[in-house]
N, C-alpha and C. Protein backbone atom coordinates (compact mmCIF):
# COMPACT_ATOMS: atom_id res chain seq x y z
N MET A 1 101.73 90.11 81.03
CA MET A 1 101.06 88.71 81.90
C MET A 1 102.00 89.29 83.32
N ILE A 2 102.52 89.76 83.71
CA ILE A 2 103.54 90.45 84.81
C ILE A 2 102.64 91.33 85.71
N LYS A 3 102.37 92.12 84.74
CA LYS A 3 101.74 93.42 85.51
C LYS A 3 100.07 92.64 85.93
N ARG A 4 99.50 91.76 84.80
CA ARG A 4 98.14 91.03 85.39
C ARG A 4 98.39 90.28 86.67
N LEU A 5 99.25 89.68 86.67
CA LEU A 5 99.60 88.85 87.89
C LEU A 5 99.78 89.69 89.26
N LEU A 6 100.43 90.63 88.97
CA LEU A 6 100.74 91.50 90.52
C LEU A 6 99.53 92.37 90.44
N LEU A 7 98.82 92.49 89.88
CA LEU A 7 97.49 93.53 90.31
C LEU A 7 96.64 92.22 90.82
N THR A 8 96.86 90.78 90.34
CA THR A 8 95.87 89.95 91.15
C THR A 8 96.37 89.90 92.32
N LEU A 9 97.26 89.93 92.52
CA LEU A 9 97.94 89.62 93.87
C LEU A 9 97.83 90.62 95.09
N GLY A 10 97.68 91.88 94.43
CA GLY A 10 97.25 92.94 95.03
C GLY A 10 98.59 94.12 95.43
N LEU A 11 99.37 93.48 94.45
CA LEU A 11 100.64 94.48 94.80
C LEU A 11 100.70 95.54 93.97
N LEU A 12 99.85 96.04 93.18
CA LEU A 12 99.90 97.17 92.59
C LEU A 12 98.44 97.76 92.21
N TRP A 13 98.51 99.21 92.50
CA TRP A 13 97.19 99.92 92.35
C TRP A 13 96.39 100.12 91.18
N PRO A 14 95.39 99.62 90.49
CA PRO A 14 94.80 99.52 89.29
C PRO A 14 95.37 101.27 88.56
N GLY A 15 95.38 102.07 89.25
CA GLY A 15 95.50 103.27 88.65
C GLY A 15 96.96 103.50 88.41
N VAL A 16 97.89 102.75 89.25
CA VAL A 16 99.46 103.04 89.19
C VAL A 16 100.02 101.57 88.18
N LEU A 17 99.06 100.65 87.70
CA LEU A 17 99.28 99.78 86.63
C LEU A 17 100.26 100.35 85.62
N PHE A 18 99.63 101.09 85.07
CA PHE A 18 100.02 101.70 83.62
C PHE A 18 100.81 103.06 84.03
N ALA A 19 101.12 103.23 85.08
CA ALA A 19 101.72 104.86 85.19
C ALA A 19 102.61 105.24 84.17
N ASN A 20 102.66 106.39 83.93
CA ASN A 20 103.16 107.11 82.91
C ASN A 20 103.62 106.31 81.54
N ASP A 21 102.67 105.91 80.85
CA ASP A 21 102.84 105.06 79.88
C ASP A 21 102.58 105.43 78.73
N TRP A 22 103.70 106.40 78.21
CA TRP A 22 103.40 107.35 77.01
C TRP A 22 103.31 106.51 75.64
N ALA A 23 104.23 105.27 75.72
CA ALA A 23 104.16 104.12 74.50
C ALA A 23 102.35 104.02 74.08
N ALA A 24 101.69 103.90 75.39
CA ALA A 24 100.51 103.53 75.00
C ALA A 24 99.57 104.47 73.80
N LEU A 25 100.32 105.83 73.71
CA LEU A 25 99.72 106.78 72.79
C LEU A 25 100.19 106.39 71.41
N ASP A 26 101.05 105.65 71.09
CA ASP A 26 101.61 105.22 70.22
C ASP A 26 100.70 103.86 69.49
N GLN A 27 99.78 103.42 70.03
CA GLN A 27 99.08 102.23 69.69
C GLN A 27 97.93 102.79 68.71
N PRO A 28 97.37 101.95 67.85
CA PRO A 28 96.14 102.33 66.92
C PRO A 28 95.09 102.64 67.47
N GLY A 29 94.55 103.95 67.26
CA GLY A 29 93.46 104.30 67.73
C GLY A 29 93.27 105.05 69.23
N ALA A 30 94.38 105.20 69.87
CA ALA A 30 94.76 105.73 71.20
C ALA A 30 94.54 106.97 71.12
N PHE A 31 93.98 107.76 72.14
CA PHE A 31 93.77 109.11 72.40
C PHE A 31 93.95 109.27 73.76
N ALA A 32 93.78 110.52 74.28
CA ALA A 32 93.71 110.93 75.74
C ALA A 32 92.46 111.19 76.52
N ILE A 33 92.10 110.71 77.60
CA ILE A 33 91.13 111.23 78.02
C ILE A 33 91.33 111.57 79.82
N MET A 34 90.99 112.68 80.26
CA MET A 34 91.72 113.23 81.61
C MET A 34 90.46 113.89 82.19
N ARG A 35 90.68 113.73 83.76
CA ARG A 35 89.61 113.85 84.38
C ARG A 35 90.28 115.38 84.69
N HIS A 36 89.50 116.63 84.92
CA HIS A 36 90.28 118.04 85.06
C HIS A 36 91.00 118.50 86.00
N ALA A 37 91.88 119.23 85.92
CA ALA A 37 92.92 119.34 86.92
C ALA A 37 92.11 120.00 88.14
N LEU A 38 93.13 120.06 89.14
CA LEU A 38 92.97 120.00 90.62
C LEU A 38 91.68 121.24 90.52
N ALA A 39 90.53 121.03 91.27
CA ALA A 39 89.44 122.24 91.70
C ALA A 39 88.85 121.72 92.93
N PRO A 40 89.34 122.59 93.74
CA PRO A 40 89.11 121.93 95.30
C PRO A 40 87.48 121.79 95.71
N GLY A 41 87.32 120.59 96.44
CA GLY A 41 85.79 120.45 96.61
C GLY A 41 85.41 119.26 96.16
N THR A 42 84.14 119.00 96.09
CA THR A 42 83.32 118.19 95.47
C THR A 42 81.97 118.49 94.62
N GLY A 43 81.55 117.94 93.43
CA GLY A 43 80.45 118.51 92.90
C GLY A 43 80.43 119.94 92.52
N ASP A 44 79.07 120.67 92.74
CA ASP A 44 78.83 122.09 92.42
C ASP A 44 78.03 122.43 93.50
N PRO A 45 78.05 123.90 93.81
CA PRO A 45 76.86 124.33 94.49
C PRO A 45 75.55 124.28 93.99
N ALA A 46 74.53 124.41 94.91
CA ALA A 46 73.30 124.31 94.63
C ALA A 46 72.65 125.39 93.34
N ASP A 47 73.34 126.49 93.59
CA ASP A 47 72.99 127.80 92.54
C ASP A 47 73.86 127.54 91.28
N PHE A 48 74.54 126.29 90.93
CA PHE A 48 75.38 126.15 89.82
C PHE A 48 74.60 126.51 88.20
N ASP A 49 75.45 127.39 87.55
CA ASP A 49 74.76 127.67 86.34
C ASP A 49 75.81 127.33 85.23
N ILE A 50 75.70 126.92 84.23
CA ILE A 50 76.72 126.00 83.47
C ILE A 50 77.31 127.62 82.70
N SER A 51 76.51 128.59 82.37
CA SER A 51 77.04 129.72 81.92
C SER A 51 77.88 130.71 82.57
N ASP A 52 78.08 130.50 84.05
CA ASP A 52 78.40 131.59 84.96
C ASP A 52 79.58 130.58 85.68
N CYS A 53 80.77 130.91 85.59
CA CYS A 53 81.97 130.18 86.27
C CYS A 53 81.96 130.68 87.69
N SER A 54 81.43 131.62 88.30
CA SER A 54 81.45 131.84 89.41
C SER A 54 80.42 131.28 90.33
N THR A 55 79.52 130.66 89.73
CA THR A 55 78.67 129.87 90.41
C THR A 55 79.22 128.22 90.53
N GLN A 56 80.35 128.04 89.91
CA GLN A 56 80.95 126.63 89.79
C GLN A 56 82.20 126.50 90.77
N ARG A 57 82.43 124.94 91.13
CA ARG A 57 83.72 124.64 91.62
C ARG A 57 84.52 125.03 90.44
N ASN A 58 86.04 125.75 90.70
CA ASN A 58 87.04 126.00 89.57
C ASN A 58 88.17 125.67 90.17
N LEU A 59 88.96 125.67 88.99
CA LEU A 59 90.04 125.23 89.13
C LEU A 59 90.73 126.41 90.29
N ASP A 60 91.89 126.04 90.87
CA ASP A 60 92.65 126.74 91.84
C ASP A 60 94.08 127.16 91.02
N ASP A 61 94.76 127.70 91.81
CA ASP A 61 96.11 128.06 91.55
C ASP A 61 96.90 126.99 90.87
N ARG A 62 97.03 125.97 91.86
CA ARG A 62 97.59 124.57 91.75
C ARG A 62 97.15 124.03 90.50
N GLY A 63 95.79 123.75 90.51
CA GLY A 63 95.33 123.32 89.15
C GLY A 63 95.69 124.06 87.94
N ARG A 64 95.19 125.51 87.95
CA ARG A 64 96.24 125.82 86.51
C ARG A 64 97.35 125.49 86.39
N ALA A 65 98.19 125.41 87.23
CA ALA A 65 99.88 125.17 87.11
C ALA A 65 99.79 123.38 86.73
N GLN A 66 98.90 122.69 87.15
CA GLN A 66 99.01 121.46 86.86
C GLN A 66 98.65 121.43 85.48
N ALA A 67 97.28 121.73 85.03
CA ALA A 67 97.08 121.94 83.58
C ALA A 67 98.12 122.17 82.53
N GLU A 68 98.96 123.24 82.88
CA GLU A 68 99.96 123.94 82.05
C GLU A 68 101.05 123.01 82.24
N ARG A 69 101.44 121.89 83.46
CA ARG A 69 102.51 121.42 83.14
C ARG A 69 102.22 119.87 82.40
N ILE A 70 100.71 119.57 82.57
CA ILE A 70 100.34 118.49 81.50
C ILE A 70 100.39 118.64 80.59
N GLY A 71 99.55 119.81 79.76
CA GLY A 71 100.29 120.16 78.62
C GLY A 71 101.67 120.39 78.12
N MET A 72 102.35 120.73 78.82
CA MET A 72 103.92 120.67 78.41
C MET A 72 104.54 119.13 78.43
N ALA A 73 104.01 118.46 79.29
CA ALA A 73 104.66 117.11 79.15
C ALA A 73 104.38 116.37 77.77
N PHE A 74 103.17 116.70 77.26
CA PHE A 74 102.86 116.07 75.98
C PHE A 74 103.30 116.82 75.16
N ARG A 75 103.45 117.86 75.13
CA ARG A 75 104.25 118.76 73.61
C ARG A 75 105.88 118.28 73.86
N GLU A 76 106.41 118.35 75.12
CA GLU A 76 108.13 117.74 75.14
C GLU A 76 108.36 116.52 74.61
N ARG A 77 107.00 115.81 74.67
CA ARG A 77 107.62 114.46 73.90
C ARG A 77 106.80 113.91 72.76
N GLY A 78 106.02 115.09 71.92
CA GLY A 78 105.98 115.40 70.45
C GLY A 78 104.53 114.45 70.23
N HIS A 79 103.54 114.51 71.41
CA HIS A 79 102.13 113.87 71.18
C HIS A 79 101.70 115.15 70.91
N SER A 80 100.95 115.04 69.58
CA SER A 80 99.79 115.80 69.46
C SER A 80 98.39 115.65 68.87
N PHE A 81 97.47 116.67 69.23
CA PHE A 81 96.07 116.22 69.05
C PHE A 81 95.66 117.12 68.11
N ASP A 82 94.47 116.48 67.22
CA ASP A 82 93.81 117.45 66.44
C ASP A 82 92.62 118.51 67.00
N ILE A 83 92.33 117.82 68.49
CA ILE A 83 90.97 118.55 68.83
C ILE A 83 91.20 118.19 70.34
N VAL A 84 90.81 119.03 70.97
CA VAL A 84 90.56 119.01 72.65
C VAL A 84 89.02 119.04 72.56
N LEU A 85 88.45 117.89 73.21
CA LEU A 85 87.02 117.85 73.09
C LEU A 85 86.97 117.93 75.00
N THR A 86 85.96 118.84 75.30
CA THR A 86 85.52 119.32 76.85
C THR A 86 84.21 119.53 77.22
N SER A 87 84.05 119.07 78.58
CA SER A 87 82.98 119.53 79.06
C SER A 87 82.65 120.62 79.22
N GLN A 88 81.36 121.19 79.29
CA GLN A 88 81.08 122.77 79.50
C GLN A 88 81.53 123.31 80.40
N TRP A 89 81.64 122.56 81.62
CA TRP A 89 81.99 123.13 83.11
C TRP A 89 83.30 124.12 82.74
N CYS A 90 83.18 125.36 83.66
CA CYS A 90 84.63 125.75 83.71
C CYS A 90 85.87 125.22 83.66
N ARG A 91 85.83 124.27 84.89
CA ARG A 91 86.93 123.77 85.47
C ARG A 91 87.68 122.62 84.11
N CYS A 92 86.79 122.13 83.46
CA CYS A 92 87.25 121.65 82.48
C CYS A 92 87.48 122.31 81.27
N ARG A 93 86.94 123.12 80.91
CA ARG A 93 87.51 124.16 79.75
C ARG A 93 88.48 125.03 79.94
N ASP A 94 88.72 125.23 81.26
CA ASP A 94 89.97 126.02 81.65
C ASP A 94 91.15 124.87 81.53
N THR A 95 91.04 123.87 81.89
CA THR A 95 92.01 122.72 82.03
C THR A 95 92.21 122.56 80.42
N ALA A 96 91.39 122.21 79.58
CA ALA A 96 91.54 122.16 78.29
C ALA A 96 92.01 123.17 77.33
N GLU A 97 91.96 124.73 77.81
CA GLU A 97 92.72 125.66 76.91
C GLU A 97 94.05 125.80 77.67
N LEU A 98 94.43 125.31 79.27
CA LEU A 98 95.68 125.55 79.84
C LEU A 98 96.55 124.39 79.29
N LEU A 99 95.82 123.38 78.97
CA LEU A 99 96.85 122.19 77.81
C LEU A 99 97.17 122.94 76.95
N ASP A 100 96.72 123.62 76.25
CA ASP A 100 97.51 124.15 74.96
C ASP A 100 98.15 123.26 74.08
N LEU A 101 97.06 121.90 73.89
CA LEU A 101 97.34 121.11 73.26
C LEU A 101 96.36 120.86 71.56
N GLY A 102 95.73 122.17 71.30
CA GLY A 102 94.93 122.07 70.09
C GLY A 102 93.80 122.60 70.35
N PRO A 103 92.85 122.95 69.15
CA PRO A 103 91.45 123.52 69.54
C PRO A 103 90.83 123.01 70.18
N VAL A 104 90.08 124.01 71.06
CA VAL A 104 89.18 123.58 72.13
C VAL A 104 88.04 123.59 71.55
N GLN A 105 86.97 122.57 71.93
CA GLN A 105 85.53 122.09 71.31
C GLN A 105 84.75 121.88 72.73
N ASP A 106 83.54 122.57 72.63
CA ASP A 106 82.68 122.20 73.98
C ASP A 106 82.13 120.81 73.22
N ALA A 107 81.81 119.90 74.12
CA ALA A 107 81.52 118.66 74.19
C ALA A 107 80.43 117.99 75.06
N PRO A 108 79.00 118.67 74.75
CA PRO A 108 77.91 118.16 76.11
C PRO A 108 77.78 116.83 76.43
N ALA A 109 78.30 116.01 75.56
CA ALA A 109 78.51 114.20 75.82
C ALA A 109 79.39 114.44 77.17
N PHE A 110 80.16 115.14 77.36
CA PHE A 110 81.34 114.72 78.36
C PHE A 110 80.88 115.83 79.67
N ASN A 111 79.90 116.51 79.75
CA ASN A 111 79.37 117.50 80.86
C ASN A 111 79.03 116.52 82.20
N SER A 112 79.34 116.82 83.16
CA SER A 112 79.09 115.68 84.47
C SER A 112 77.56 115.40 84.44
N PHE A 113 77.39 114.03 84.95
CA PHE A 113 76.05 113.97 85.39
C PHE A 113 76.24 113.50 87.16
N PHE A 114 77.04 114.06 87.82
CA PHE A 114 76.98 113.85 88.99
C PHE A 114 75.47 114.54 89.96
N GLN A 115 74.98 115.27 89.34
CA GLN A 115 73.92 115.86 90.00
C GLN A 115 72.60 115.04 89.47
N ASN A 116 72.69 114.44 88.23
CA ASN A 116 71.91 114.16 87.62
C ASN A 116 71.81 112.24 87.16
N ARG A 117 72.10 111.48 88.12
CA ARG A 117 72.59 109.87 87.27
C ARG A 117 72.00 109.54 86.56
N ALA A 118 70.52 109.74 86.36
CA ALA A 118 69.68 109.33 85.05
C ALA A 118 70.38 109.52 83.90
N LEU A 119 70.96 110.68 83.74
CA LEU A 119 71.68 110.69 82.60
C LEU A 119 73.11 109.92 82.08
N ARG A 120 73.51 109.23 83.16
CA ARG A 120 74.65 108.30 83.28
C ARG A 120 74.80 107.37 81.52
N ASP A 121 74.11 106.84 81.69
CA ASP A 121 73.64 105.75 80.49
C ASP A 121 73.72 106.18 79.12
N PRO A 122 72.48 106.96 78.94
CA PRO A 122 72.67 107.90 77.55
C PRO A 122 73.46 108.58 77.21
N GLN A 123 74.10 109.65 77.99
CA GLN A 123 75.25 110.38 78.09
C GLN A 123 76.46 109.61 77.46
N THR A 124 76.67 108.45 78.36
CA THR A 124 77.79 107.73 77.86
C THR A 124 77.60 107.07 76.56
N ARG A 125 76.57 106.46 76.37
CA ARG A 125 76.43 106.03 74.89
C ARG A 125 76.91 107.36 74.14
N GLU A 126 76.05 108.51 74.22
CA GLU A 126 76.71 109.56 73.08
C GLU A 126 77.94 109.84 73.32
N ALA A 127 78.63 109.84 74.38
CA ALA A 127 80.17 110.25 74.19
C ALA A 127 81.17 109.27 73.63
N VAL A 128 80.43 107.61 73.83
CA VAL A 128 81.24 106.48 72.97
C VAL A 128 81.01 106.59 71.67
N ALA A 129 80.05 107.07 70.71
CA ALA A 129 79.21 107.34 69.64
C ALA A 129 79.90 108.47 69.07
N GLN A 130 80.54 110.00 69.68
CA GLN A 130 80.94 110.84 69.25
C GLN A 130 82.24 110.42 68.94
N LEU A 131 83.11 109.60 69.91
CA LEU A 131 84.45 109.41 69.65
C LEU A 131 84.85 108.40 68.48
N ARG A 132 83.42 107.29 68.37
CA ARG A 132 83.43 106.54 67.16
C ARG A 132 83.65 107.04 65.85
N ALA A 133 82.60 107.90 66.22
CA ALA A 133 82.67 108.74 64.81
C ALA A 133 84.10 109.74 64.26
N LEU A 134 84.72 110.10 65.07
CA LEU A 134 85.80 110.95 64.76
C LEU A 134 86.71 110.42 64.05
N THR A 135 87.13 111.27 62.94
CA THR A 135 88.30 110.94 62.08
C THR A 135 89.95 111.53 62.76
N ALA A 136 89.47 112.78 63.69
CA ALA A 136 90.56 113.30 64.25
C ALA A 136 91.01 112.47 65.86
N ARG A 137 92.12 112.91 66.19
CA ARG A 137 92.82 112.40 67.24
C ARG A 137 92.26 113.43 68.28
N PRO A 138 91.62 112.88 69.32
CA PRO A 138 91.13 113.81 70.56
C PRO A 138 91.88 113.65 71.82
N PHE A 139 91.91 114.74 72.43
CA PHE A 139 92.51 114.67 73.91
C PHE A 139 91.20 115.42 74.49
N VAL A 140 90.38 114.28 75.23
CA VAL A 140 89.08 114.50 75.99
C VAL A 140 89.46 115.10 77.57
N VAL A 141 88.58 116.52 78.26
CA VAL A 141 88.93 116.75 79.33
C VAL A 141 87.29 116.70 79.75
N THR A 142 87.39 115.97 80.76
CA THR A 142 85.63 115.51 81.73
C THR A 142 85.95 115.47 82.94
N HIS A 143 84.92 114.54 83.73
CA HIS A 143 84.98 114.21 85.03
C HIS A 143 85.09 113.13 85.62
N PHE A 144 85.19 113.00 86.69
CA PHE A 144 85.36 111.58 87.18
C PHE A 144 84.20 110.69 87.13
N VAL A 145 82.99 111.08 87.46
CA VAL A 145 81.94 110.26 86.94
C VAL A 145 81.66 109.90 85.35
N ASN A 146 82.37 110.63 84.52
CA ASN A 146 81.91 110.32 82.86
C ASN A 146 83.03 109.43 82.99
N ILE A 147 84.30 109.46 83.15
CA ILE A 147 85.62 108.47 83.18
C ILE A 147 85.37 107.19 83.87
N VAL A 148 84.74 107.13 85.09
CA VAL A 148 84.38 105.92 85.49
C VAL A 148 83.42 104.97 84.48
N ALA A 149 82.26 105.73 84.06
CA ALA A 149 81.07 105.27 83.34
C ALA A 149 81.90 104.92 81.94
N LEU A 150 82.55 105.59 81.38
CA LEU A 150 83.55 105.03 80.21
C LEU A 150 84.30 103.91 80.27
N THR A 151 84.98 104.12 81.34
CA THR A 151 86.51 103.02 81.38
C THR A 151 85.87 102.08 82.53
N GLY A 152 85.30 102.16 83.41
CA GLY A 152 85.37 101.26 84.56
C GLY A 152 86.12 101.67 85.67
N GLN A 153 87.14 102.67 85.53
CA GLN A 153 88.39 103.05 86.31
C GLN A 153 88.33 104.34 86.85
N THR A 154 88.67 104.49 88.06
CA THR A 154 88.90 105.92 88.95
C THR A 154 90.21 106.60 88.38
N THR A 155 90.23 107.65 88.73
CA THR A 155 91.06 108.68 88.27
C THR A 155 91.25 109.85 89.16
N GLY A 156 92.82 110.23 89.85
CA GLY A 156 92.79 111.26 90.51
C GLY A 156 92.72 112.73 89.34
N SER A 157 92.45 113.82 90.01
CA SER A 157 92.41 115.36 89.39
C SER A 157 93.73 115.46 88.43
N GLY A 158 93.46 115.82 87.28
CA GLY A 158 94.43 115.82 86.28
C GLY A 158 95.34 114.37 86.15
N GLU A 159 94.64 113.24 85.92
CA GLU A 159 95.17 111.84 85.88
C GLU A 159 94.61 111.86 84.31
N VAL A 160 95.67 111.51 83.33
CA VAL A 160 95.22 110.99 82.02
C VAL A 160 95.33 109.54 81.72
N LEU A 161 94.12 109.42 81.07
CA LEU A 161 94.13 107.61 80.77
C LEU A 161 94.46 108.02 79.32
N ILE A 162 94.74 107.07 78.60
CA ILE A 162 95.05 106.57 77.44
C ILE A 162 94.06 105.53 77.17
N ALA A 163 93.45 105.79 75.88
CA ALA A 163 92.23 104.67 75.65
C ALA A 163 91.93 104.83 74.27
N ARG A 164 91.46 103.67 73.89
CA ARG A 164 90.61 103.89 72.51
C ARG A 164 89.05 103.02 72.39
N VAL A 165 88.40 103.35 71.69
CA VAL A 165 87.02 102.91 71.58
C VAL A 165 86.95 101.64 71.80
N GLY A 166 86.19 100.80 72.56
CA GLY A 166 85.76 99.67 72.50
C GLY A 166 84.57 99.33 72.17
N GLU A 167 83.95 98.03 72.41
CA GLU A 167 82.68 97.74 72.00
C GLU A 167 81.71 98.52 72.65
N THR A 168 81.70 98.76 73.97
CA THR A 168 80.21 99.58 74.55
C THR A 168 81.33 100.27 75.26
N GLY A 169 82.61 100.84 75.26
CA GLY A 169 82.80 102.08 76.37
C GLY A 169 84.50 102.10 75.58
N LEU A 170 85.27 102.72 76.51
CA LEU A 170 86.78 102.61 76.13
C LEU A 170 87.58 101.61 77.09
N ASP A 171 88.37 101.21 76.11
CA ASP A 171 89.61 100.09 76.60
C ASP A 171 90.59 101.22 77.10
N VAL A 172 91.35 101.03 78.34
CA VAL A 172 92.42 101.86 78.95
C VAL A 172 93.53 100.88 78.41
N LEU A 173 94.32 101.79 77.87
CA LEU A 173 95.62 101.22 77.37
C LEU A 173 96.73 101.74 78.30
N GLY A 174 96.74 102.69 79.00
CA GLY A 174 97.89 103.17 79.92
C GLY A 174 97.33 104.36 81.02
N SER A 175 98.00 105.07 81.55
CA SER A 175 97.67 106.05 82.55
C SER A 175 98.91 106.94 82.37
N ILE A 176 98.98 108.38 82.69
CA ILE A 176 99.84 109.39 82.86
C ILE A 176 99.52 110.11 83.84
N VAL A 177 100.24 109.94 84.70
CA VAL A 177 100.38 111.27 86.00
C VAL A 177 101.30 112.18 86.03
N ILE A 178 101.09 113.64 85.90
CA ILE A 178 102.16 114.59 86.26
C ILE A 178 101.96 114.89 87.27
N ASP A 179 102.89 114.76 88.55
CA ASP A 179 102.61 115.69 89.47
C ASP A 179 101.98 116.63 89.74
N PRO A 180 101.03 116.70 90.85
CA PRO A 180 100.22 117.98 91.08
C PRO A 180 101.06 119.23 91.51
């Protein structure tokens, strides 16, 4: 009630409303969904090739360190995941592996549609269906555009939302930000 009132009055930013709400992970059906760690720039170069990391925007040293710190923060608090689903983009795969929170599995439904917005709705429906069908507790690593489509909420690089599958998308239960 108080958080909602403060947000309505504009006293809190939406991304800070639930800042570091570790308890949200204890709610039934809760899982983590994260925007990849720091990768300088926006989008990908025109010659982008999903199978060639040298053609993509990638994590820098700060991004690699950020991903390791985020994984460590989850492990230190005893939070575990059965699977880490990731976009096939190298910055997401590298983030997922550096988190060291479980076996990493490519999940094309979480690939970026930044360069082809026509994929937004069908891909978002596929991502929700995939999450709904899981019996395992996932940690998802994806992109800004995917998170906005799934939750209606923006995120910074490395920000983790705690969510659960809702009627048509994801219901955000909390947010965790580990300093970059």
